[in-house]
Amino acid sequence: MAILEGASSLRVGNDAAQAEAATVAGIGAISARLDRLPATRAVWKLILLLSLGFFFELYDLLFTGYVAPGLVKSGILTPTTSGLFGTSGVASFVAALFAGLFVGTIACGFLADRFGRRAIFTWSLLWYMAANTVMAFQDTAHGLNLWRFVSGMGIGVELITIGTYLSELAPKHLRGRAFAVCQAIGFSAVPVVAFLSYLLVPRTPFGLDGWRWVVLLGGISALFVWYFRRNLPESPRWLASKGRIREADEVLARLEEKVAQQYGKPLPQPGPAAPVPRKARFADMWQPPYRKRTLMLIVFHIFQTVGFYGFANWVPTLLVKQGITVTSSLLYTTVIGLAAPLGPLLGYWIADRFERKHVIVCMAAINIASGLLFSQASAAVMIVTLGVLLTLAGNIISFTYHTYQQELYPTAIRARAVGFVYSWSRLSAVFSSFVIAFMLREFGVTGVFVFIASAMALVIVAIGLMGPRTLGKSLESISH
């Protein structure tokens, strides 16, 4: 009897081992087939659909700074507060957004790993659209901040999901350029929201405050993304990581068929399957080789946020503080905002030619120099020129690190791991917004940019000393 039980256990163990080996082989084969796909219309269509979602996500994320003067004008918020953590100022509105982003990324990042990239892409979009619609009809600082927090949670989940989704669908030779195009389309929301704010914020169309129209227009337009999302397949890499090899093969086969028709000749043969990392757990973030990467990205995100959002969310308010009228400041920021999509477009030409870490370091240095000069500028030409340089540098950093951080973790924990490290940028933004408001009150615009420059110097140190190289490597080989 004992012999029979032992034999049965051995068979079960062998069956489990064989199943695990088949899953590993399937993941490697799926990855190799995806990475050999040429850049045809079918591949770019998937990238563009995800980019369209990113456009409305950034519209909602970045309208904060542009509607802030309108919120002050309407009497709901004040430019600064008497206390460091006052809840009635612009800083509290910025902080509410990033508190929501923090919760969304750190607590809900697992959703895309558990339920799939496609489903969470759709539901997080609907989530923050609904929350922003409610927010648009608030008349108190408390109500405004509460619903900005709720919408921030949805935006946080969406940010992680889009980046993960895109990194897994784009072939390795196209990954950097795919993120560059995604960010270029996404950041074209900046001039759109800046121009709408310029037209609407100083006015009250149909008796409704202009800032409310800016918020509502983004939500209404985002419904188009929800409609077009039906053309997005699930990530074959995610399906394979869940052991659903047959489904992954079916999804990829349909994509290969479309690509082959457009390519006009037989597809290249898949390369050798990259070594697949063992099934990862979330705790593996703190084991080699991921521990060093995790620490590096935490430091990076704490300080890059100060540079990026310290300018993007505060530039209209900073200009008003320098004595420029609300209308003129919004006009300047509209012109500066036109440069937002140009950063990733310029990056398109360098995305798959230079190491990601070197690009981040170089752009951080440009950010430091331009910011310090901006704090001393008073002429319109200099304000706009330096604002454009800050925008270009910030947006090149943005698309580069969005590519970079997705490459550093295995598929099984990619969304959760990136969500965890990314959440530190949100937590940083909560507190840095109050610090910027304090620096603005006590030390003026110059003090704000000295604070930002110090943060960007730490970005250079973290990425420059601790960042691994990833250019041209498969996701699986980087994660091995």
Protein backbone atom coordinates (compact mmCIF):
# COMPACT_ATOMS: atom_id res chain seq x y z
CA MET A 1 0.00 0.00 0.00
CA ALA A 2 2.77 2.41 0.98
CA ILE A 3 4.61 1.51 -2.22
CA LEU A 4 1.51 2.36 -4.29
CA GLU A 5 1.08 5.67 -2.47
CA GLY A 6 4.75 6.49 -3.05
CA ALA A 7 4.46 5.67 -6.73
CA SER A 8 1.32 7.82 -7.01
CA SER A 9 3.07 10.75 -5.33
CA LEU A 10 6.02 10.33 -7.69
CA ARG A 11 3.74 10.41 -10.72
CA VAL A 12 1.99 13.56 -9.42
CA GLY A 13 5.37 15.18 -8.81
CA ASN A 14 6.56 14.26 -12.29
CA ASP A 15 3.34 15.55 -13.84
CA ALA A 16 3.70 18.87 -11.99
CA ALA A 17 7.33 19.17 -13.06
CA GLN A 18 6.43 18.43 -16.68
CA ALA A 19 3.61 20.98 -16.57
CA GLU A 20 5.96 23.59 -15.13
CA ALA A 21 8.59 22.82 -17.79
CA ALA A 22 5.95 23.12 -20.53
CA THR A 23 4.82 26.50 -19.14
CA VAL A 24 8.40 27.80 -19.02
CA ALA A 25 9.03 26.62 -22.58
CA GLY A 26 5.76 28.20 -23.69
CA ILE A 27 6.64 31.57 -22.12
CA GLY A 28 10.02 31.55 -23.86
CA ALA A 29 8.47 30.68 -27.21
CA ILE A 30 5.76 33.35 -26.91
CA SER A 31 8.37 35.97 -26.03
CA ALA A 32 10.61 35.01 -28.96
CA ARG A 33 7.67 35.13 -31.40
CA LEU A 34 6.61 38.57 -30.16
CA ASP A 35 10.12 40.01 -30.30
CA ARG A 36 10.68 39.05 -33.95
CA LEU A 37 7.57 40.87 -35.24
CA PRO A 38 8.38 43.67 -37.70
CA ALA A 39 6.96 47.16 -37.18
CA THR A 40 3.84 46.92 -39.35
CA ARG A 41 0.51 48.77 -39.14
CA ALA A 42 -0.99 46.01 -36.98
CA VAL A 43 1.71 46.47 -34.32
CA TRP A 44 1.55 50.27 -34.46
CA LYS A 45 -2.25 50.17 -34.21
CA LEU A 46 -2.00 48.50 -30.79
CA ILE A 47 0.56 51.08 -29.70
CA LEU A 48 -1.66 53.94 -30.90
CA LEU A 49 -4.75 52.59 -29.11
CA LEU A 50 -2.85 52.44 -25.84
CA SER A 51 -1.41 55.89 -26.55
CA LEU A 52 -4.92 57.29 -26.96
CA GLY A 53 -5.74 56.05 -23.47
CA PHE A 54 -2.55 57.69 -22.23
CA PHE A 55 -3.63 61.01 -23.81
CA PHE A 56 -6.78 61.25 -21.69
CA GLU A 57 -4.96 59.94 -18.65
CA LEU A 58 -2.42 62.78 -18.90
CA TYR A 59 -5.18 65.28 -19.64
CA ASP A 60 -6.76 64.37 -16.30
CA LEU A 61 -3.43 64.19 -14.51
CA LEU A 62 -2.06 67.52 -15.75
CA PHE A 63 -5.07 69.83 -15.75
CA THR A 64 -4.33 70.43 -12.05
CA GLY A 65 -1.91 73.28 -12.63
CA TYR A 66 -3.93 74.86 -15.41
CA VAL A 67 -7.22 75.06 -13.54
CA ALA A 68 -5.57 76.16 -10.27
CA PRO A 69 -5.85 79.91 -11.07
CA GLY A 70 -9.55 79.39 -11.79
CA LEU A 71 -10.07 77.59 -8.48
CA VAL A 72 -8.42 80.53 -6.72
CA LYS A 73 -10.46 83.02 -8.72
CA SER A 74 -13.71 81.22 -7.81
CA GLY A 75 -12.80 81.42 -4.11
CA ILE A 76 -12.66 77.64 -3.53
CA LEU A 77 -8.89 77.57 -2.97
CA THR A 78 -6.15 80.04 -1.99
CA PRO A 79 -2.68 80.32 -3.62
CA THR A 80 -0.88 79.60 -0.33
CA THR A 81 -1.88 78.76 3.24
CA SER A 82 -0.78 80.05 6.62
CA GLY A 83 0.23 76.57 7.77
CA LEU A 84 2.52 74.11 5.99
CA PHE A 85 -0.23 71.48 5.54
CA GLY A 86 -3.28 73.70 5.11
CA THR A 87 -6.19 72.08 3.26
CA SER A 88 -7.66 75.17 1.63
CA GLY A 89 -4.82 76.02 -0.75
CA VAL A 90 -3.71 74.92 -4.22
CA ALA A 91 -1.15 72.63 -2.54
CA SER A 92 -3.94 70.57 -0.95
CA PHE A 93 -5.57 70.07 -4.37
CA VAL A 94 -2.25 68.89 -5.82
CA ALA A 95 -1.63 66.72 -2.75
CA ALA A 96 -5.09 65.10 -2.97
CA LEU A 97 -4.37 63.99 -6.54
CA PHE A 98 -1.03 62.47 -5.62
CA ALA A 99 -2.37 60.85 -2.47
CA GLY A 100 -4.90 59.09 -4.71
CA LEU A 101 -2.16 58.16 -7.18
CA PHE A 102 -0.12 56.73 -4.30
CA VAL A 103 -2.97 54.52 -3.10
CA GLY A 104 -3.85 53.49 -6.66
CA THR A 105 -0.30 52.46 -7.53
CA ILE A 106 0.80 50.81 -4.28
CA ALA A 107 -2.47 49.15 -3.24
CA CYS A 108 -4.08 48.39 -6.59
CA GLY A 109 -1.11 47.65 -8.86
CA PHE A 110 -1.69 43.93 -8.34
CA LEU A 111 -5.02 44.13 -10.20
CA ALA A 112 -3.42 44.10 -13.66
CA ASP A 113 -1.23 41.13 -12.66
CA ARG A 114 -4.24 39.23 -11.37
CA PHE A 115 -7.07 40.10 -13.75
CA GLY A 116 -5.19 40.98 -16.93
CA ARG A 117 -3.98 44.12 -18.66
CA ARG A 118 -7.01 44.63 -20.90
CA ALA A 119 -9.73 44.47 -18.22
CA ILE A 120 -7.98 46.83 -15.80
CA PHE A 121 -7.14 49.26 -18.61
CA THR A 122 -10.87 49.60 -19.27
CA TRP A 123 -12.24 49.74 -15.71
CA SER A 124 -9.66 52.16 -14.31
CA LEU A 125 -10.46 54.55 -17.19
CA LEU A 126 -14.18 54.50 -16.33
CA TRP A 127 -13.33 54.91 -12.65
CA TYR A 128 -11.44 58.18 -12.90
CA MET A 129 -13.80 59.58 -15.54
CA ALA A 130 -16.75 59.18 -13.15
CA ALA A 131 -14.84 60.65 -10.20
CA ASN A 132 -13.75 63.72 -12.17
CA THR A 133 -17.31 64.33 -13.32
CA VAL A 134 -18.47 64.46 -9.71
CA MET A 135 -15.50 66.66 -8.80
CA ALA A 136 -16.44 69.21 -11.47
CA PHE A 137 -19.57 70.12 -9.51
CA GLN A 138 -17.95 70.64 -6.09
CA ASP A 139 -18.07 74.06 -4.41
CA THR A 140 -15.91 73.48 -1.32
CA ALA A 141 -12.20 72.71 -0.85
CA HIS A 142 -13.13 69.55 1.08
CA GLY A 143 -15.40 68.16 -1.67
CA LEU A 144 -12.92 69.13 -4.39
CA ASN A 145 -10.01 67.41 -2.66
CA LEU A 146 -12.01 64.30 -1.79
CA TRP A 147 -13.05 63.62 -5.38
CA ARG A 148 -9.62 64.53 -6.73
CA PHE A 149 -8.25 61.84 -4.40
CA VAL A 150 -10.76 59.28 -5.73
CA SER A 151 -9.98 60.11 -9.37
CA GLY A 152 -6.25 59.93 -8.55
CA MET A 153 -6.67 56.31 -7.47
CA GLY A 154 -8.08 55.38 -10.87
CA ILE A 155 -5.41 57.34 -12.73
CA GLY A 156 -2.71 55.58 -10.67
CA VAL A 157 -3.97 52.14 -11.67
CA GLU A 158 -4.26 53.21 -15.32
CA LEU A 159 -0.71 54.59 -15.42
CA ILE A 160 0.77 51.29 -14.30
CA THR A 161 -1.47 49.20 -16.54
CA ILE A 162 -0.73 51.13 -19.75
CA GLY A 163 3.03 50.98 -19.22
CA THR A 164 2.96 47.26 -18.44
CA TYR A 165 0.60 46.51 -21.34
CA LEU A 166 2.75 48.44 -23.82
CA SER A 167 6.06 46.91 -22.72
CA GLU A 168 4.63 43.41 -23.22
CA LEU A 169 3.04 44.01 -26.64
CA ALA A 170 5.91 45.91 -28.27
CA PRO A 171 8.75 43.83 -29.80
CA LYS A 172 12.13 44.44 -28.14
CA HIS A 173 13.57 46.30 -31.16
CA LEU A 174 10.62 48.70 -31.01
CA ARG A 175 10.10 49.07 -27.27
CA GLY A 176 11.83 52.41 -26.77
CA ARG A 177 10.20 53.99 -29.81
CA ALA A 178 6.81 52.60 -28.82
CA PHE A 179 7.05 54.40 -25.47
CA ALA A 180 8.27 57.54 -27.24
CA VAL A 181 5.23 57.58 -29.54
CA CYS A 182 2.89 56.76 -26.64
CA GLN A 183 4.28 59.64 -24.62
CA ALA A 184 4.24 62.02 -27.60
CA ILE A 185 0.54 61.36 -28.11
CA GLY A 186 -0.08 61.47 -24.36
CA PHE A 187 1.76 64.75 -23.85
CA SER A 188 -0.12 66.37 -26.71
CA ALA A 189 -2.80 66.63 -24.00
CA VAL A 190 -0.67 69.38 -22.42
CA PRO A 191 -1.18 72.03 -25.12
CA VAL A 192 -4.82 70.92 -25.44
CA VAL A 193 -5.58 71.37 -21.74
CA ALA A 194 -3.46 74.54 -21.62
CA PHE A 195 -5.35 76.08 -24.56
CA LEU A 196 -8.76 75.05 -23.19
CA SER A 197 -7.77 76.57 -19.85
CA TYR A 198 -6.66 79.77 -21.57
CA LEU A 199 -10.05 79.99 -23.31
CA LEU A 200 -12.28 78.85 -20.45
CA VAL A 201 -10.71 79.41 -17.00
CA PRO A 202 -10.99 83.23 -16.99
CA ARG A 203 -14.63 82.99 -18.15
CA THR A 204 -17.95 81.44 -17.09
CA PRO A 205 -19.58 79.93 -20.23
CA PHE A 206 -23.33 79.41 -19.70
CA GLY A 207 -22.91 80.51 -16.09
CA LEU A 208 -20.58 77.62 -15.20
CA ASP A 209 -17.03 78.33 -14.02
CA GLY A 210 -14.51 77.78 -16.81
CA TRP A 211 -12.40 75.32 -14.80
CA ARG A 212 -15.42 73.01 -14.53
CA TRP A 213 -15.70 72.89 -18.33
CA VAL A 214 -12.01 71.92 -18.60
CA VAL A 215 -12.59 68.98 -16.24
CA LEU A 216 -15.82 67.83 -17.90
CA LEU A 217 -14.50 67.96 -21.46
CA GLY A 218 -11.75 65.48 -20.60
CA GLY A 219 -14.18 62.96 -19.17
CA ILE A 220 -16.62 63.16 -22.07
CA SER A 221 -13.86 62.74 -24.65
CA ALA A 222 -12.33 59.74 -22.84
CA LEU A 223 -15.48 57.74 -23.60
CA PHE A 224 -14.05 57.25 -27.10
CA VAL A 225 -11.16 55.25 -25.63
CA TRP A 226 -13.58 53.03 -23.76
CA TYR A 227 -15.32 52.34 -27.08
CA PHE A 228 -12.15 51.57 -29.07
CA ARG A 229 -10.65 49.35 -26.36
CA ARG A 230 -12.50 46.38 -27.85
CA ASN A 231 -9.75 46.16 -30.52
CA LEU A 232 -7.05 45.53 -27.92
CA PRO A 233 -6.01 41.90 -27.32
CA GLU A 234 -4.90 40.60 -23.96
CA SER A 235 -1.13 40.50 -23.47
CA PRO A 236 0.17 37.11 -24.70
CA ARG A 237 3.04 37.39 -22.23
CA TRP A 238 0.59 37.80 -19.34
CA LEU A 239 -1.53 34.88 -20.52
CA ALA A 240 1.56 32.69 -20.81
CA SER A 241 2.77 33.71 -17.33
CA LYS A 242 -0.57 32.45 -15.98
CA GLY A 243 -0.09 29.08 -17.67
CA ARG A 244 -2.73 29.88 -20.30
CA ILE A 245 -0.37 28.95 -23.14
CA ARG A 246 -3.12 27.96 -25.57
CA GLU A 247 -4.91 31.32 -25.22
CA ALA A 248 -1.59 33.16 -25.56
CA ASP A 249 -0.84 31.20 -28.72
CA GLU A 250 -4.27 31.99 -30.20
CA VAL A 251 -3.97 35.74 -29.48
CA LEU A 252 -0.45 35.86 -30.88
CA ALA A 253 -1.36 33.77 -33.94
CA ARG A 254 -4.08 36.28 -34.90
CA LEU A 255 -1.61 39.13 -34.53
CA GLU A 256 1.05 37.27 -36.54
CA GLU A 257 -1.48 36.67 -39.33
CA LYS A 258 -2.25 40.41 -39.59
CA VAL A 259 1.42 41.33 -39.44
CA ALA A 260 2.34 38.76 -42.14
CA GLN A 261 -0.34 40.11 -44.51
CA GLN A 262 1.01 43.65 -44.14
CA TYR A 263 4.68 42.59 -44.18
CA GLY A 264 4.26 40.98 -47.62
CA LYS A 265 6.76 38.18 -47.04
CA PRO A 266 7.33 35.40 -44.51
CA LEU A 267 7.91 36.62 -40.99
CA PRO A 268 11.44 36.32 -39.60
CA GLN A 269 12.10 33.13 -37.69
CA PRO A 270 11.87 33.54 -33.91
CA GLY A 271 15.23 33.84 -32.22
CA PRO A 272 16.31 31.46 -29.50
CA ALA A 273 14.02 31.61 -26.50
CA ALA A 274 15.46 33.85 -23.80
CA PRO A 275 16.07 32.25 -20.40
CA VAL A 276 12.84 32.60 -18.45
CA PRO A 277 13.16 33.64 -14.80
CA ARG A 278 11.64 31.30 -12.26
CA LYS A 279 8.11 32.13 -11.21
CA ALA A 280 8.52 35.36 -9.31
CA ARG A 281 6.81 36.46 -6.14
CA PHE A 282 6.26 40.03 -5.01
CA ALA A 283 8.77 39.46 -2.18
CA ASP A 284 11.45 38.80 -4.80
CA MET A 285 11.70 42.55 -5.29
CA TRP A 286 14.00 42.47 -2.27
CA GLN A 287 16.20 39.63 -3.55
CA PRO A 288 19.06 39.87 -6.10
CA PRO A 289 19.03 41.03 -8.85
CA TYR A 290 15.87 43.05 -8.17
CA ARG A 291 16.79 44.52 -4.75
CA LYS A 292 19.31 47.01 -6.13
CA ARG A 293 16.88 48.00 -8.91
CA THR A 294 14.05 48.49 -6.42
CA LEU A 295 16.14 50.74 -4.17
CA MET A 296 17.37 52.73 -7.15
CA LEU A 297 13.86 53.29 -8.49
CA ILE A 298 12.50 54.30 -5.08
CA VAL A 299 15.18 57.00 -4.73
CA PHE A 300 14.67 58.04 -8.35
CA HIS A 301 10.90 58.39 -8.03
CA ILE A 302 11.02 60.30 -4.77
CA PHE A 303 13.09 63.03 -6.42
CA GLN A 304 12.14 63.00 -10.12
CA THR A 305 8.59 63.93 -9.15
CA VAL A 306 9.81 67.14 -7.55
CA GLY A 307 11.38 68.19 -10.84
CA PHE A 308 8.61 67.13 -13.19
CA TYR A 309 5.46 68.09 -11.31
CA GLY A 310 7.15 70.92 -9.45
CA PHE A 311 7.24 72.70 -12.79
CA ALA A 312 4.24 71.22 -14.63
CA ASN A 313 1.71 71.71 -11.82
CA TRP A 314 3.00 75.04 -10.55
CA VAL A 315 4.13 77.05 -13.59
CA PRO A 316 0.93 79.14 -13.97
CA THR A 317 0.92 79.91 -10.23
CA LEU A 318 4.66 80.70 -10.26
CA LEU A 319 4.19 83.15 -13.11
CA VAL A 320 1.28 84.85 -11.33
CA LYS A 321 3.50 85.12 -8.25
CA GLN A 322 6.05 86.98 -10.41
CA GLY A 323 3.42 89.62 -11.17
CA ILE A 324 2.08 88.24 -14.45
CA THR A 325 -1.71 88.28 -14.88
CA VAL A 326 -3.74 85.07 -14.86
CA THR A 327 -4.61 85.45 -18.55
CA SER A 328 -0.99 86.14 -19.57
CA SER A 329 0.36 83.29 -17.46
CA LEU A 330 -2.07 80.86 -19.10
CA LEU A 331 -1.06 82.20 -22.53
CA TYR A 332 2.63 81.62 -21.74
CA THR A 333 1.94 78.13 -20.44
CA THR A 334 -0.11 77.34 -23.56
CA VAL A 335 2.90 78.21 -25.72
CA ILE A 336 5.21 76.22 -23.43
CA GLY A 337 2.73 73.34 -23.49
CA LEU A 338 3.08 73.08 -27.28
CA ALA A 339 6.54 71.65 -26.64
CA ALA A 340 5.22 68.80 -24.47
CA PRO A 341 4.72 66.22 -27.24
CA LEU A 342 7.95 67.30 -28.96
CA GLY A 343 10.09 65.84 -26.16
CA PRO A 344 9.05 62.23 -26.82
CA LEU A 345 9.11 62.85 -30.60
CA LEU A 346 12.74 63.97 -30.32
CA GLY A 347 13.26 60.98 -28.09
CA TYR A 348 11.92 58.70 -30.84
CA TRP A 349 15.22 59.12 -32.66
CA ILE A 350 17.33 58.26 -29.62
CA ALA A 351 15.03 55.80 -27.84
CA ASP A 352 16.61 52.58 -29.18
CA ARG A 353 20.08 54.03 -29.86
CA PHE A 354 21.27 55.18 -26.45
CA GLU A 355 21.12 53.56 -23.02
CA ARG A 356 18.03 54.65 -21.09
CA LYS A 357 20.04 55.53 -17.97
CA HIS A 358 22.36 57.86 -19.88
CA VAL A 359 19.42 59.73 -21.42
CA ILE A 360 17.83 60.24 -17.98
CA VAL A 361 21.08 61.60 -16.49
CA CYS A 362 21.66 64.01 -19.38
CA MET A 363 18.11 65.39 -19.33
CA ALA A 364 18.18 65.82 -15.54
CA ALA A 365 21.27 68.02 -15.92
CA ILE A 366 19.48 70.16 -18.52
CA ASN A 367 16.50 70.42 -16.16
CA ILE A 368 18.72 71.79 -13.38
CA ALA A 369 20.33 74.47 -15.56
CA SER A 370 17.10 75.57 -17.24
CA GLY A 371 15.16 75.72 -13.97
CA LEU A 372 17.66 77.93 -12.20
CA LEU A 373 17.73 80.31 -15.18
CA PHE A 374 13.90 80.29 -15.38
CA SER A 375 13.70 81.52 -11.78
CA GLN A 376 15.57 84.68 -12.81
CA ALA A 377 13.75 85.32 -16.11
CA SER A 378 11.30 88.17 -16.54
CA ALA A 379 11.13 88.76 -20.30
CA ALA A 380 8.46 86.82 -22.18
CA VAL A 381 10.94 85.33 -24.67
CA MET A 382 13.19 83.98 -21.92
CA ILE A 383 10.25 82.64 -19.90
CA VAL A 384 8.90 80.74 -22.90
CA THR A 385 12.33 79.53 -24.12
CA LEU A 386 13.41 78.19 -20.73
CA GLY A 387 9.92 76.79 -20.12
CA VAL A 388 10.19 74.87 -23.39
CA LEU A 389 13.61 73.48 -22.39
CA LEU A 390 12.23 72.38 -19.02
CA THR A 391 9.26 70.75 -20.72
CA LEU A 392 11.38 68.92 -23.31
CA ALA A 393 13.85 67.64 -20.71
CA GLY A 394 11.09 66.56 -18.33
CA ASN A 395 9.14 64.72 -20.99
CA ILE A 396 12.18 62.92 -22.40
CA ILE A 397 12.95 61.75 -18.85
CA SER A 398 9.33 60.65 -18.51
CA PHE A 399 9.08 58.44 -21.58
CA THR A 400 12.56 57.02 -20.93
CA TYR A 401 11.91 55.95 -17.34
CA HIS A 402 8.47 54.58 -18.23
CA THR A 403 10.27 52.25 -20.64
CA TYR A 404 13.16 51.60 -18.26
CA GLN A 405 11.23 50.62 -15.13
CA GLN A 406 9.02 48.17 -17.04
CA GLU A 407 12.15 46.38 -18.29
CA LEU A 408 13.59 45.71 -14.84
CA TYR A 409 11.02 43.19 -13.48
CA PRO A 410 9.62 39.83 -14.72
CA THR A 411 6.14 39.53 -16.25
CA ALA A 412 4.60 37.74 -13.25
CA ILE A 413 5.13 40.73 -10.93
CA ARG A 414 5.73 43.56 -13.41
CA ALA A 415 2.60 45.61 -12.68
CA ARG A 416 2.83 45.15 -8.89
CA ALA A 417 6.56 45.85 -8.73
CA VAL A 418 6.39 48.92 -10.94
CA GLY A 419 3.31 50.05 -9.05
CA PHE A 420 5.22 49.78 -5.77
CA VAL A 421 8.29 51.76 -6.85
CA TYR A 422 6.18 54.23 -8.81
CA SER A 423 3.99 54.86 -5.76
CA TRP A 424 6.93 56.57 -4.06
CA SER A 425 6.74 59.33 -6.67
CA ARG A 426 3.11 59.89 -5.69
CA LEU A 427 3.91 59.96 -1.99
CA SER A 428 6.74 62.38 -2.73
CA ALA A 429 4.41 64.63 -4.71
CA VAL A 430 1.96 64.82 -1.79
CA PHE A 431 4.60 66.33 0.48
CA SER A 432 6.65 68.19 -2.14
CA SER A 433 3.57 70.19 -3.18
CA PHE A 434 3.30 71.54 0.36
CA VAL A 435 7.06 72.17 0.45
CA ILE A 436 6.88 74.06 -2.84
CA ALA A 437 4.02 76.19 -1.51
CA PHE A 438 6.14 76.89 1.60
CA MET A 439 9.25 77.71 -0.46
CA LEU A 440 7.19 79.98 -2.71
CA ARG A 441 5.84 81.91 0.27
CA GLU A 442 9.15 82.18 2.14
CA PHE A 443 11.79 82.34 -0.62
CA GLY A 444 9.91 83.16 -3.81
CA VAL A 445 10.28 81.54 -7.24
CA THR A 446 14.08 81.26 -6.86
CA GLY A 447 13.70 79.16 -3.72
CA VAL A 448 11.32 76.81 -5.54
CA PHE A 449 13.80 76.13 -8.34
CA VAL A 450 16.74 75.65 -5.97
CA PHE A 451 14.65 72.96 -4.27
CA ILE A 452 13.85 71.38 -7.64
CA ALA A 453 17.52 71.50 -8.76
CA SER A 454 18.63 69.71 -5.59
CA ALA A 455 16.11 66.93 -6.22
CA MET A 456 17.24 66.45 -9.82
CA ALA A 457 20.89 66.22 -8.69
CA LEU A 458 19.90 63.20 -6.57
CA VAL A 459 18.18 61.69 -9.63
CA ILE A 460 21.49 61.87 -11.49
CA VAL A 461 23.33 60.15 -8.63
CA ALA A 462 20.77 57.31 -8.25
CA ILE A 463 20.41 56.42 -11.93
CA GLY A 464 24.02 57.09 -12.85
CA LEU A 465 25.51 54.87 -10.13
CA MET A 466 22.90 52.10 -9.74
CA GLY A 467 21.05 51.75 -13.05
CA PRO A 468 21.63 48.57 -15.14
CA ARG A 469 21.87 48.60 -18.94
CA THR A 470 18.81 47.34 -20.87
CA LEU A 471 19.12 48.53 -24.47
CA GLY A 472 18.19 45.92 -27.09
CA LYS A 473 17.64 43.09 -24.61
CA SER A 474 14.52 40.93 -24.30
CA LEU A 475 12.33 41.45 -21.23
CA GLU A 476 13.08 37.92 -20.08
CA SER A 477 16.89 38.25 -20.36
CA ILE A 478 16.87 41.50 -18.36
CA SER A 479 14.77 39.84 -15.67
CA HIS A 480 16.87 36.65 -15.51
